[in-house]
Amino acid sequence: MGVIVIGHRSPDTDSICSAISYAYLKEKLTGREYIAARCGNLKPETEFVLRHFNVEAPRVICDVRSRVADMLGGQAPVAISPDTPIREVGILARDKNIKSLPVVDERNRLLGIITLGDIAQRYLNLDELNDLDRMGLTIGGILRTMGGRFLVPAPLDTKLRGKAIIGAMHVETMVQRIGEGDTVVTGDRENAQLAALEAGAGCLIVTGGLSISERVEKSARQKGIPVLTVPYDTFNAARLLGLSAPVSTIMRQDMVCFQPDEFADDARKVMLETRFRNYPVIDHEKKLLGVISRYHLLALQRKKVILVDHNEKSQAVAGLDQAQVLEVIDHHRIGDVQTGEPIYFRGEPVGCTSTIIAAMYEENEIEPPKEIAGLMTAAILSDTVLFKSPTCTARDRRTAEKLAKIAGVDLQDFGLKLFTAGSSLEGRTPEEIIFQDFKEFHLGPLKLGIGQVETMDYDGVTRMQETLLEEMESIRKKKDLDLALLMLTDIIKEGTRLLVAGEKKEPVEKAFGVPVQEQSAYLPGVISRKKQVVPPLSAYLGT
């Protein structure tokens, strides 16, 4: 997987557009793969922007911990069918330098696994030749393993029965040992061949690639007994007989398998407890995706991540502490994301992350294509609330004007469409409204959650105030927050109705100098969470 470029949880338009724009820039600069990602649902405003510029939404990645799928690599797994002769498996394992092979059916569904240890055990177990029924030997399997040809034919799926007799002894002694249906392996000894047929042998294997006499052929045909000739001498033919059996007869079915989306850490624990050499990876239909081992754990690299529009762990994608953070591009305060090595960190006091990224396009003399310029324009308009936010700088405005020309949009007209699309509350639940843009903060001794809804449907939000407060209190308890706040921001009148859930209302009243009545306070002129809400609370709480 390439480098993941991702914004914060509950991503807003800037978070999404910055991820896409920066991933595009990095690919242009390096020629390597950069993946724009998100760890939350798209907001209506952001959906409008992506539709308007015909850009695909970033990939959803909710956890950047390494998974079993990351251990597979890109190559198709080497697998065998259940009717493959054991000897072929040994040759394949030697040529591919692997110790075990998965066994799959015609639809690539996992049936079992066979190891070189299993093959060695079969090879060393001479008793197997005393029960050919259990070995699952067929005439076709013998010819496939040893080569050779029919001298007296029979169906390839004809199964061998009884036991195997090596016809190298005196004829009378051999006959005494042959039971009904036994397989006899012998050289070009006509008397021994005829005697074996008369004694009730079920199959005759002639070694050395030799033929048989007319008398032997006639007798075999009359009795309906197949006769094969193989190119090996009697010793090697007998040695290969057991290895002609299909792998289905010795494959293991007591396997430990993994799903591709399981975490690598969980797989590591299972491997340490079970100590198998290899572990198949299968999907929900049991189709084989690959095979992993402890070697893959040692070679596994952490996922590489670039953070945009945030740098606080509480706002970051899950599993960030097990990933490698390469860069941070942000316009917020410096948070608590820690790295094990120096990284490229670019944090600037502007109104929007996309303003910084647009500057990086200019610095590298790369003009963004129309759709990328459009995304960055939308991000700036959204984060600066049509340039009304106190976080907005002259640089944000100049950048938006340049990008709008490339994108072919009118700032005022497009901005109104943008906020109209994002402010509609029709069909949305209180939970969806609260989590539209919700962030958690540790300010002094308190843990706060602050959501914000920028809307032109202020009356509609006010009518929902009671149900919103009920949902906020539920969220506060679930997340173990001291306070849950929701900013209902009127972007036309430039003010915010602040809803407060929790017993500790003093920080709000002292920080903003307004009373909290019926769990609500009005903050005139306040439209920015980052610059007008978090700093006063942080200052009062002593952080």
Protein backbone atom coordinates (compact mmCIF):
# COMPACT_ATOMS: atom_id res chain seq x y z
CA MET A 1 0.00 0.00 0.00
CA GLY A 2 1.13 3.52 -0.73
CA VAL A 3 1.33 6.41 1.73
CA ILE A 4 -2.04 7.28 3.30
CA VAL A 5 -2.98 10.98 3.31
CA ILE A 6 -5.79 11.45 5.80
CA GLY A 7 -7.64 14.11 7.75
CA HIS A 8 -9.31 14.02 11.16
CA ARG A 9 -12.27 12.00 12.36
CA SER A 10 -15.69 13.38 11.40
CA PRO A 11 -13.97 15.02 8.42
CA ASP A 12 -15.14 18.40 7.16
CA THR A 13 -14.71 19.79 3.65
CA ASP A 14 -11.18 21.07 4.31
CA SER A 15 -10.09 17.70 5.69
CA ILE A 16 -11.39 15.80 2.66
CA CYS A 17 -10.27 18.29 0.00
CA SER A 18 -6.84 18.71 1.56
CA ALA A 19 -6.28 14.94 1.60
CA ILE A 20 -7.18 14.65 -2.08
CA SER A 21 -5.19 17.72 -3.14
CA TYR A 22 -2.06 16.84 -1.19
CA ALA A 23 -2.09 13.20 -2.33
CA TYR A 24 -2.25 14.45 -5.94
CA LEU A 25 0.65 16.86 -5.37
CA LYS A 26 2.82 14.22 -3.71
CA GLU A 27 2.27 11.77 -6.56
CA LYS A 28 3.26 14.46 -9.07
CA LEU A 29 6.44 15.24 -7.11
CA THR A 30 7.55 11.68 -6.35
CA GLY A 31 5.91 9.35 -8.89
CA ARG A 32 4.93 7.07 -6.01
CA GLU A 33 1.49 6.07 -4.77
CA TYR A 34 -0.31 8.32 -2.29
CA ILE A 35 -3.80 7.37 -1.15
CA ALA A 36 -6.32 10.05 -0.18
CA ALA A 37 -8.34 8.64 2.72
CA ARG A 38 -10.98 9.53 5.30
CA CYS A 39 -11.96 8.05 8.65
CA GLY A 40 -15.56 9.21 8.75
CA ASN A 41 -18.68 9.84 6.71
CA LEU A 42 -18.95 12.68 4.23
CA LYS A 43 -21.00 15.70 5.19
CA PRO A 44 -23.68 16.97 2.77
CA GLU A 45 -21.55 20.02 2.03
CA THR A 46 -18.57 17.86 1.11
CA GLU A 47 -20.72 15.55 -0.99
CA PHE A 48 -21.92 18.60 -2.93
CA VAL A 49 -18.32 19.70 -3.58
CA LEU A 50 -17.20 16.27 -4.82
CA ARG A 51 -20.24 15.99 -7.10
CA HIS A 52 -19.75 19.52 -8.44
CA PHE A 53 -16.16 18.84 -9.48
CA ASN A 54 -16.76 15.16 -10.37
CA VAL A 55 -14.12 13.85 -7.96
CA GLU A 56 -14.28 10.44 -6.32
CA ALA A 57 -14.56 10.35 -2.53
CA PRO A 58 -11.42 9.30 -0.64
CA ARG A 59 -11.08 5.70 0.48
CA VAL A 60 -12.50 4.92 3.93
CA ILE A 61 -9.71 3.87 6.32
CA CYS A 62 -10.82 3.78 9.94
CA ASP A 63 -7.75 2.10 11.44
CA VAL A 64 -4.13 2.28 10.27
CA ARG A 65 -2.86 -0.65 12.27
CA SER A 66 -1.24 -3.30 10.08
CA ARG A 67 -3.54 -6.11 9.01
CA VAL A 68 -3.03 -9.62 7.72
CA ALA A 69 -3.72 -8.35 4.18
CA ASP A 70 -0.61 -6.14 4.47
CA MET A 71 1.51 -9.28 4.92
CA LEU A 72 0.40 -10.98 1.71
CA GLY A 73 2.30 -9.03 -0.93
CA GLY A 74 0.98 -8.85 -4.45
CA GLN A 75 1.75 -12.33 -5.79
CA ALA A 76 -0.85 -15.04 -6.26
CA PRO A 77 -0.40 -17.96 -3.84
CA VAL A 78 1.02 -21.28 -5.03
CA ALA A 79 -1.65 -23.92 -4.47
CA ILE A 80 -2.44 -27.47 -5.61
CA SER A 81 -5.55 -29.52 -6.30
CA PRO A 82 -6.50 -32.46 -4.05
CA ASP A 83 -5.77 -35.03 -6.79
CA THR A 84 -2.16 -33.88 -7.25
CA PRO A 85 0.25 -36.80 -6.63
CA ILE A 86 2.38 -36.40 -3.54
CA ARG A 87 5.63 -36.58 -5.53
CA GLU A 88 4.59 -33.56 -7.64
CA VAL A 89 4.03 -31.61 -4.45
CA GLY A 90 7.55 -32.44 -3.26
CA ILE A 91 9.06 -31.30 -6.56
CA LEU A 92 7.02 -28.10 -6.55
CA ALA A 93 8.01 -27.35 -2.95
CA ARG A 94 11.67 -27.87 -3.84
CA ASP A 95 11.53 -25.69 -6.95
CA LYS A 96 9.63 -22.89 -5.17
CA ASN A 97 11.66 -23.27 -1.97
CA ILE A 98 8.56 -23.53 0.19
CA LYS A 99 7.81 -25.89 3.06
CA SER A 100 4.06 -26.26 2.71
CA LEU A 101 1.35 -25.87 0.11
CA PRO A 102 -2.38 -25.15 0.43
CA VAL A 103 -4.82 -27.53 -1.24
CA VAL A 104 -7.80 -25.95 -3.01
CA ASP A 105 -10.78 -27.09 -5.03
CA GLU A 106 -11.70 -25.97 -8.54
CA ARG A 107 -13.16 -22.72 -7.13
CA ASN A 108 -9.97 -21.91 -5.18
CA ARG A 109 -11.63 -22.73 -1.85
CA LEU A 110 -9.26 -24.01 0.80
CA LEU A 111 -9.50 -27.72 1.56
CA GLY A 112 -6.33 -28.38 3.53
CA ILE A 113 -2.57 -27.93 3.64
CA ILE A 114 0.34 -30.31 3.07
CA THR A 115 3.88 -29.93 4.39
CA LEU A 116 7.20 -31.49 3.52
CA GLY A 117 6.99 -33.18 6.91
CA ASP A 118 3.77 -34.89 5.87
CA ILE A 119 5.44 -36.12 2.66
CA ALA A 120 8.48 -37.39 4.56
CA GLN A 121 6.22 -39.30 6.95
CA ARG A 122 4.45 -40.98 4.03
CA TYR A 123 7.77 -41.84 2.39
CA LEU A 124 9.16 -43.40 5.56
CA ASN A 125 6.01 -45.36 6.42
CA LEU A 126 6.43 -48.69 4.66
CA ASP A 127 3.21 -50.03 6.18
CA GLU A 128 1.24 -47.80 3.81
CA LEU A 129 1.93 -50.23 0.97
CA ASN A 130 0.02 -52.89 2.88
CA ASP A 131 -3.24 -50.94 2.53
CA LEU A 132 -3.56 -49.40 -0.94
CA ASP A 133 -7.27 -48.69 -0.41
CA ARG A 134 -6.41 -46.23 2.36
CA MET A 135 -3.74 -44.57 0.21
CA GLY A 136 -6.27 -43.65 -2.46
CA LEU A 137 -3.99 -44.79 -5.29
CA THR A 138 -5.36 -44.80 -8.85
CA ILE A 139 -3.85 -46.02 -12.09
CA GLY A 140 -3.98 -42.46 -13.42
CA GLY A 141 -1.99 -41.25 -10.41
CA ILE A 142 0.72 -43.84 -11.03
CA LEU A 143 1.08 -42.94 -14.70
CA ARG A 144 1.11 -39.22 -13.83
CA THR A 145 3.86 -39.74 -11.27
CA MET A 146 6.06 -42.31 -12.97
CA GLY A 147 5.25 -41.74 -16.62
CA GLY A 148 4.91 -44.91 -18.71
CA ARG A 149 1.96 -46.28 -20.58
CA PHE A 150 -0.74 -48.93 -20.64
CA LEU A 151 0.06 -52.40 -21.95
CA VAL A 152 -3.43 -53.57 -21.04
CA PRO A 153 -5.68 -50.51 -20.52
CA ALA A 154 -8.17 -49.61 -17.80
CA PRO A 155 -9.96 -46.40 -16.75
CA LEU A 156 -7.55 -43.87 -15.24
CA ASP A 157 -9.69 -43.57 -12.11
CA THR A 158 -9.38 -47.29 -11.38
CA LYS A 159 -8.38 -47.60 -7.72
CA LEU A 160 -5.71 -50.01 -6.51
CA ARG A 161 -6.77 -52.39 -3.76
CA GLY A 162 -5.12 -54.74 -1.33
CA LYS A 163 -1.37 -54.46 -0.89
CA ALA A 164 1.72 -53.97 -3.05
CA ILE A 165 3.96 -56.97 -3.74
CA ILE A 166 7.48 -56.64 -5.16
CA GLY A 167 7.83 -59.62 -7.49
CA ALA A 168 11.59 -60.05 -7.09
CA MET A 169 11.50 -63.35 -5.17
CA HIS A 170 11.09 -66.94 -6.26
CA VAL A 171 7.82 -67.41 -8.14
CA GLU A 172 6.38 -69.95 -5.68
CA THR A 173 7.21 -67.66 -2.73
CA MET A 174 5.67 -64.67 -4.49
CA VAL A 175 2.45 -66.50 -5.31
CA GLN A 176 1.99 -67.46 -1.67
CA ARG A 177 2.02 -63.79 -0.69
CA ILE A 178 -0.36 -62.46 -3.34
CA GLY A 179 -3.90 -61.82 -2.18
CA GLU A 180 -6.98 -61.13 -4.30
CA GLY A 181 -6.66 -57.74 -6.00
CA ASP A 182 -3.06 -56.99 -4.92
CA THR A 183 -0.76 -54.87 -7.10
CA VAL A 184 2.40 -56.65 -8.24
CA VAL A 185 5.53 -54.75 -9.27
CA THR A 186 7.98 -56.84 -11.29
CA GLY A 187 10.49 -56.78 -14.12
CA ASP A 188 10.41 -58.66 -17.45
CA ARG A 189 9.97 -62.12 -15.85
CA GLU A 190 7.27 -63.79 -17.89
CA ASN A 191 6.78 -66.69 -15.49
CA ALA A 192 6.40 -64.31 -12.54
CA GLN A 193 3.97 -62.12 -14.48
CA LEU A 194 1.78 -65.08 -15.47
CA ALA A 195 1.88 -66.49 -11.96
CA ALA A 196 0.81 -63.16 -10.49
CA LEU A 197 -2.14 -62.96 -12.88
CA GLU A 198 -3.19 -66.51 -12.02
CA ALA A 199 -2.87 -65.80 -8.29
CA GLY A 200 -5.51 -63.05 -8.54
CA ALA A 201 -3.44 -59.87 -8.81
CA GLY A 202 -5.56 -56.77 -9.46
CA CYS A 203 -2.87 -54.79 -11.31
CA LEU A 204 0.52 -55.56 -12.82
CA ILE A 205 3.26 -52.92 -13.01
CA VAL A 206 6.16 -53.82 -15.27
CA THR A 207 9.37 -51.88 -14.53
CA GLY A 208 12.27 -50.71 -16.70
CA GLY A 209 9.94 -49.47 -19.44
CA LEU A 210 9.78 -53.04 -20.71
CA SER A 211 6.93 -54.73 -22.55
CA ILE A 212 5.17 -58.07 -21.99
CA SER A 213 4.79 -61.22 -24.04
CA GLU A 214 1.68 -62.09 -26.02
CA ARG A 215 0.90 -64.83 -23.48
CA VAL A 216 0.94 -62.36 -20.59
CA GLU A 217 -1.11 -59.80 -22.52
CA LYS A 218 -3.68 -62.42 -23.50
CA SER A 219 -4.03 -63.66 -19.92
CA ALA A 220 -4.37 -60.12 -18.53
CA ARG A 221 -7.04 -59.19 -21.08
CA GLN A 222 -9.01 -62.36 -20.39
CA LYS A 223 -8.97 -61.64 -16.66
CA GLY A 224 -9.58 -57.89 -17.09
CA ILE A 225 -6.41 -56.99 -15.22
CA PRO A 226 -4.67 -53.72 -16.20
CA VAL A 227 -0.95 -53.84 -16.98
CA LEU A 228 1.29 -50.75 -16.92
CA THR A 229 4.91 -50.28 -17.88
CA VAL A 230 6.93 -47.57 -16.16
CA PRO A 231 10.46 -46.33 -16.97
CA TYR A 232 11.89 -46.86 -13.47
CA ASP A 233 13.65 -49.98 -12.16
CA THR A 234 11.82 -52.14 -9.64
CA PHE A 235 13.40 -50.48 -6.58
CA ASN A 236 12.55 -46.93 -7.63
CA ALA A 237 9.11 -47.91 -8.92
CA ALA A 238 8.26 -49.38 -5.53
CA ARG A 239 9.67 -46.28 -3.84
CA LEU A 240 7.51 -43.99 -5.97
CA LEU A 241 4.36 -46.06 -5.59
CA GLY A 242 3.41 -44.49 -2.26
CA LEU A 243 4.22 -41.03 -3.62
CA SER A 244 1.73 -41.53 -6.45
CA ALA A 245 -1.17 -41.15 -4.00
CA PRO A 246 -3.17 -37.89 -4.13
CA VAL A 247 -2.43 -35.23 -1.54
CA SER A 248 -6.03 -35.44 -0.34
CA THR A 249 -5.06 -38.63 1.53
CA ILE A 250 -2.45 -36.95 3.74
CA MET A 251 -3.31 -33.23 3.73
CA ARG A 252 -4.01 -31.61 7.07
CA GLN A 253 -7.43 -30.14 7.70
CA ASP A 254 -6.74 -28.95 11.26
CA MET A 255 -5.48 -25.59 10.00
CA VAL A 256 -5.37 -22.19 11.62
CA CYS A 257 -6.54 -19.63 9.06
CA PHE A 258 -6.74 -15.85 9.06
CA GLN A 259 -9.06 -13.34 7.43
CA PRO A 260 -7.37 -10.49 5.51
CA ASP A 261 -8.85 -7.75 7.71
CA GLU A 262 -7.60 -9.24 11.00
CA PHE A 263 -4.99 -7.14 12.76
CA ALA A 264 -1.38 -8.27 12.44
CA ASP A 265 -0.92 -8.08 16.22
CA ASP A 266 -3.77 -10.54 16.75
CA ALA A 267 -2.28 -12.85 14.13
CA ARG A 268 1.11 -12.65 15.89
CA LYS A 269 -0.42 -13.88 19.15
CA VAL A 270 -2.08 -16.82 17.42
CA MET A 271 1.17 -17.76 15.65
CA LEU A 272 3.08 -17.78 18.92
CA GLU A 273 0.47 -20.02 20.50
CA THR A 274 0.11 -22.53 17.64
CA ARG A 275 3.59 -22.72 16.09
CA PHE A 276 2.55 -23.89 12.62
CA ARG A 277 4.98 -23.17 9.81
CA ASN A 278 2.45 -21.45 7.53
CA TYR A 279 -1.05 -20.04 7.88
CA PRO A 280 -3.52 -19.73 4.99
CA VAL A 281 -5.40 -16.47 4.51
CA ILE A 282 -8.95 -16.88 3.22
CA ASP A 283 -11.95 -14.66 2.51
CA HIS A 284 -15.48 -15.16 3.82
CA GLU A 285 -16.12 -17.75 1.10
CA LYS A 286 -13.01 -19.74 2.15
CA LYS A 287 -11.26 -18.75 -1.08
CA LEU A 288 -7.50 -18.74 -0.72
CA LEU A 289 -5.86 -15.31 -0.80
CA GLY A 290 -2.36 -16.28 0.26
CA VAL A 291 -0.18 -17.86 2.93
CA ILE A 292 1.71 -16.09 5.73
CA SER A 293 4.36 -17.17 8.22
CA ARG A 294 6.47 -15.70 11.03
CA TYR A 295 8.82 -14.38 8.38
CA HIS A 296 6.07 -12.10 7.15
CA LEU A 297 5.65 -10.73 10.67
CA LEU A 298 9.36 -9.88 10.81
CA ALA A 299 9.24 -8.23 7.38
CA LEU A 300 6.02 -6.32 8.06
CA GLN A 301 6.40 -2.56 7.87
CA ARG A 302 4.19 -0.02 9.59
CA LYS A 303 1.74 1.85 7.39
CA LYS A 304 3.01 5.26 6.31
CA VAL A 305 0.68 8.18 7.03
CA ILE A 306 0.52 11.91 6.30
CA LEU A 307 -1.85 13.91 8.51
CA VAL A 308 -3.68 16.92 7.10
CA ASP A 309 -5.90 19.44 8.90
CA HIS A 310 -5.10 18.09 12.40
CA ASN A 311 -2.27 17.02 14.65
CA GLU A 312 -3.98 15.81 17.81
CA LYS A 313 -4.18 12.13 18.64
CA SER A 314 -7.78 12.36 19.88
CA GLN A 315 -8.82 13.58 16.43
CA ALA A 316 -6.66 11.18 14.42
CA VAL A 317 -7.49 7.89 12.74
CA ALA A 318 -7.42 4.88 15.08
CA GLY A 319 -4.15 2.97 15.37
CA LEU A 320 -1.97 5.99 14.61
CA ASP A 321 0.51 5.02 17.33
CA GLN A 322 1.28 1.84 15.35
CA ALA A 323 1.78 3.70 12.05
CA GLN A 324 4.68 5.80 10.78
CA VAL A 325 3.74 9.47 10.52
CA LEU A 326 5.77 11.04 7.70
CA GLU A 327 4.34 14.55 7.52
CA VAL A 328 1.81 16.90 9.09
CA ILE A 329 0.18 19.76 7.14
CA ASP A 330 -2.10 21.77 9.41
CA HIS A 331 -3.42 25.18 10.46
CA HIS A 332 -4.46 24.38 14.04
CA ARG A 333 -2.62 24.61 17.34
CA ILE A 334 0.17 22.10 17.91
CA GLY A 335 -1.31 19.05 19.60
CA ASP A 336 0.03 15.81 21.02
CA VAL A 337 0.87 13.60 18.01
CA GLN A 338 4.30 12.13 18.72
CA THR A 339 6.72 10.52 16.26
CA GLY A 340 9.78 8.34 16.66
CA GLU A 341 11.84 10.30 14.17
CA PRO A 342 12.02 13.84 12.73
CA ILE A 343 9.28 14.57 10.21
CA TYR A 344 8.20 17.35 7.87
CA PHE A 345 5.76 19.47 9.89
CA ARG A 346 4.13 22.47 8.28
CA GLY A 347 1.77 24.42 10.46
CA GLU A 348 0.74 27.94 9.48
CA PRO A 349 -1.70 30.43 11.05
CA VAL A 350 -4.13 30.63 8.14
CA GLY A 351 -7.83 29.90 7.90
CA CYS A 352 -7.60 26.66 5.96
CA THR A 353 -5.20 23.75 5.37
CA SER A 354 -5.86 23.96 1.64
CA THR A 355 -4.37 27.48 1.66
CA ILE A 356 -1.07 25.92 2.76
CA ILE A 357 -1.30 23.13 0.19
CA ALA A 358 -2.06 25.62 -2.60
CA ALA A 359 1.15 27.45 -1.65
CA MET A 360 3.07 24.16 -1.95
CA TYR A 361 1.74 23.78 -5.50
CA GLU A 362 3.12 27.24 -6.29
CA GLU A 363 6.45 26.57 -4.60
CA ASN A 364 6.91 23.47 -6.77
CA GLU A 365 5.69 25.28 -9.90
CA ILE A 366 2.80 22.88 -10.41
CA GLU A 367 -0.59 24.26 -11.43
CA PRO A 368 -3.41 22.15 -10.01
CA PRO A 369 -5.92 20.79 -12.52
CA LYS A 370 -9.36 22.38 -12.59
CA GLU A 371 -11.02 19.89 -10.26
CA ILE A 372 -8.21 20.01 -7.67
CA ALA A 373 -8.27 23.81 -7.73
CA GLY A 374 -12.02 23.62 -7.23
CA LEU A 375 -11.66 21.37 -4.19
CA MET A 376 -9.17 23.73 -2.55
CA THR A 377 -11.42 26.71 -3.32
CA ALA A 378 -14.35 24.97 -1.64
CA ALA A 379 -12.22 24.08 1.38
CA ILE A 380 -11.15 27.70 1.90
CA LEU A 381 -14.70 29.01 1.54
CA SER A 382 -15.96 26.39 3.99
CA ASP A 383 -13.28 26.83 6.66
CA THR A 384 -13.35 30.63 6.54
CA VAL A 385 -17.18 30.75 6.40
CA LEU A 386 -17.16 32.79 3.20
CA PHE A 387 -14.20 34.85 4.56
CA LYS A 388 -16.25 35.91 7.64
CA SER A 389 -14.40 33.79 10.19
CA PRO A 390 -11.80 35.55 12.39
CA THR A 391 -9.41 32.79 11.36
CA CYS A 392 -9.53 34.06 7.77
CA THR A 393 -6.44 35.89 6.54
CA ALA A 394 -5.74 38.03 3.50
CA ARG A 395 -3.71 35.12 2.21
CA ASP A 396 -6.75 32.82 2.35
CA ARG A 397 -8.75 35.28 0.27
CA ARG A 398 -5.95 35.79 -2.31
CA THR A 399 -5.44 32.06 -2.61
CA ALA A 400 -9.15 31.39 -3.07
CA GLU A 401 -9.35 34.05 -5.79
CA LYS A 402 -6.46 32.44 -7.74
CA LEU A 403 -7.89 28.94 -7.36
CA ALA A 404 -11.40 30.04 -8.34
CA LYS A 405 -10.08 31.33 -11.69
CA ILE A 406 -8.46 27.95 -12.42
CA ALA A 407 -11.60 26.11 -11.33
CA GLY A 408 -13.89 28.43 -13.29
CA VAL A 409 -16.22 29.32 -10.40
CA ASP A 410 -17.52 32.59 -8.95
CA LEU A 411 -16.59 32.79 -5.27
CA GLN A 412 -19.78 34.42 -4.02
CA ASP A 413 -22.17 32.32 -6.09
CA PHE A 414 -20.37 29.04 -5.44
CA GLY A 415 -19.98 29.86 -1.73
CA LEU A 416 -23.74 30.35 -1.28
CA LYS A 417 -24.44 27.07 -3.07
CA LEU A 418 -21.86 25.38 -0.88
CA PHE A 419 -23.39 26.51 2.41
CA THR A 420 -26.94 25.95 1.21
CA ALA A 421 -26.05 22.33 0.47
CA GLY A 422 -24.36 21.90 3.83
CA SER A 423 -26.88 23.68 6.04
CA SER A 424 -29.98 21.68 5.20
CA LEU A 425 -31.11 19.60 8.19
CA GLU A 426 -33.89 17.78 6.38
CA GLY A 427 -33.93 14.07 7.15
CA ARG A 428 -30.95 14.23 9.54
CA THR A 429 -31.04 12.81 13.06
CA PRO A 430 -29.81 14.71 16.14
CA GLU A 431 -26.81 12.37 16.30
CA GLU A 432 -25.90 13.11 12.67
CA ILE A 433 -26.16 16.86 13.30
CA ILE A 434 -23.99 16.74 16.43
CA PHE A 435 -21.32 14.57 14.84
CA GLN A 436 -21.28 16.58 11.61
CA ASP A 437 -18.19 18.35 12.92
CA PHE A 438 -17.37 17.07 16.41
CA LYS A 439 -13.96 17.20 18.06
CA GLU A 440 -12.71 16.24 21.51
CA PHE A 441 -10.31 18.37 23.56
CA HIS A 442 -8.40 17.94 26.82
CA LEU A 443 -8.33 21.44 28.34
CA GLY A 444 -6.79 21.55 31.79
CA PRO A 445 -8.63 19.12 34.08
CA LEU A 446 -11.63 18.75 31.76
CA LYS A 447 -12.41 16.61 28.75
CA LEU A 448 -14.70 18.40 26.32
CA GLY A 449 -16.47 17.52 23.10
CA ILE A 450 -17.33 20.46 20.85
CA GLY A 451 -19.50 20.12 17.75
CA GLN A 452 -20.41 22.81 15.27
CA VAL A 453 -23.24 23.20 12.79
CA GLU A 454 -22.95 26.09 10.34
CA THR A 455 -26.39 26.63 8.94
CA MET A 456 -28.68 29.03 7.16
CA ASP A 457 -31.63 27.13 8.63
CA TYR A 458 -31.18 28.56 12.11
CA ASP A 459 -34.91 28.37 12.99
CA GLY A 460 -34.95 24.67 12.08
CA VAL A 461 -32.05 23.97 14.43
CA THR A 462 -33.67 25.96 17.24
CA ARG A 463 -36.85 23.86 16.97
CA MET A 464 -34.71 20.75 17.52
CA GLN A 465 -32.92 22.19 20.56
CA GLU A 466 -34.54 19.91 23.13
CA THR A 467 -33.85 16.68 21.25
CA LEU A 468 -30.34 17.87 20.45
CA LEU A 469 -29.63 18.43 24.15
CA GLU A 470 -30.95 14.97 25.02
CA GLU A 471 -28.67 13.38 22.43
CA MET A 472 -25.71 15.52 23.59
CA GLU A 473 -26.15 14.30 27.17
CA SER A 474 -26.23 10.70 25.95
CA ILE A 475 -23.04 11.26 23.94
CA ARG A 476 -21.38 12.99 26.90
CA LYS A 477 -21.97 9.96 29.12
CA LYS A 478 -20.90 7.43 26.48
CA LYS A 479 -17.65 9.28 25.80
CA ASP A 480 -17.06 10.12 29.49
CA LEU A 481 -16.93 13.87 28.78
CA ASP A 482 -17.17 16.60 31.39
CA LEU A 483 -18.95 18.87 28.93
CA ALA A 484 -20.52 18.41 25.51
CA LEU A 485 -20.99 21.65 23.56
CA LEU A 486 -22.74 22.25 20.25
CA MET A 487 -22.22 25.48 18.30
CA LEU A 488 -25.29 26.40 16.23
CA THR A 489 -23.66 29.01 14.01
CA ASP A 490 -25.72 31.40 11.94
CA ILE A 491 -23.39 32.30 9.09
CA ILE A 492 -25.63 35.15 7.91
CA LYS A 493 -26.11 36.91 11.26
CA GLU A 494 -22.60 35.91 12.34
CA GLY A 495 -23.42 34.55 15.78
CA THR A 496 -23.59 31.23 17.60
CA ARG A 497 -26.14 29.63 19.92
CA LEU A 498 -24.06 27.40 22.22
CA LEU A 499 -25.85 24.35 23.65
CA VAL A 500 -24.32 22.92 26.84
CA ALA A 501 -24.67 19.36 28.17
CA GLY A 502 -23.12 18.59 31.55
CA GLU A 503 -23.17 19.90 35.10
CA LYS A 504 -20.04 22.08 34.89
CA LYS A 505 -21.37 25.24 33.25
CA GLU A 506 -19.02 27.64 35.04
CA PRO A 507 -16.19 27.30 32.45
CA VAL A 508 -18.58 28.42 29.70
CA GLU A 509 -20.00 31.35 31.67
CA LYS A 510 -16.58 32.57 32.84
CA ALA A 511 -14.79 32.06 29.52
CA PHE A 512 -17.38 33.95 27.47
CA GLY A 513 -18.88 36.25 30.09
CA VAL A 514 -22.45 35.17 29.33
CA PRO A 515 -25.02 33.26 31.41
CA VAL A 516 -26.01 29.70 30.52
CA GLN A 517 -29.79 29.55 30.78
CA GLU A 518 -31.76 26.40 30.02
CA GLN A 519 -28.50 24.82 28.81
CA SER A 520 -28.00 27.52 26.19
CA ALA A 521 -25.97 30.69 25.71
CA TYR A 522 -25.78 33.12 22.78
CA LEU A 523 -22.34 34.24 21.60
CA PRO A 524 -22.65 37.23 19.23
CA GLY A 525 -19.93 37.52 16.60
CA VAL A 526 -18.62 34.01 17.37
CA ILE A 527 -18.36 31.74 14.34
CA SER A 528 -15.00 29.98 14.78
CA ARG A 529 -14.51 27.05 17.14
CA LYS A 530 -10.75 27.11 16.68
CA LYS A 531 -10.22 30.82 17.32
CA GLN A 532 -13.21 31.99 19.33
CA VAL A 533 -14.33 29.03 21.43
CA VAL A 534 -11.37 26.76 22.24
CA PRO A 535 -8.90 29.57 23.19
CA PRO A 536 -11.17 31.26 25.80
CA LEU A 537 -12.01 27.89 27.36
CA SER A 538 -8.36 26.88 27.31
CA ALA A 539 -7.30 30.17 28.94
CA TYR A 540 -9.90 29.88 31.72
CA LEU A 541 -9.04 26.25 32.43
CA GLY A 542 -5.38 27.07 32.70
CA THR A 543 -3.93 25.29 29.66
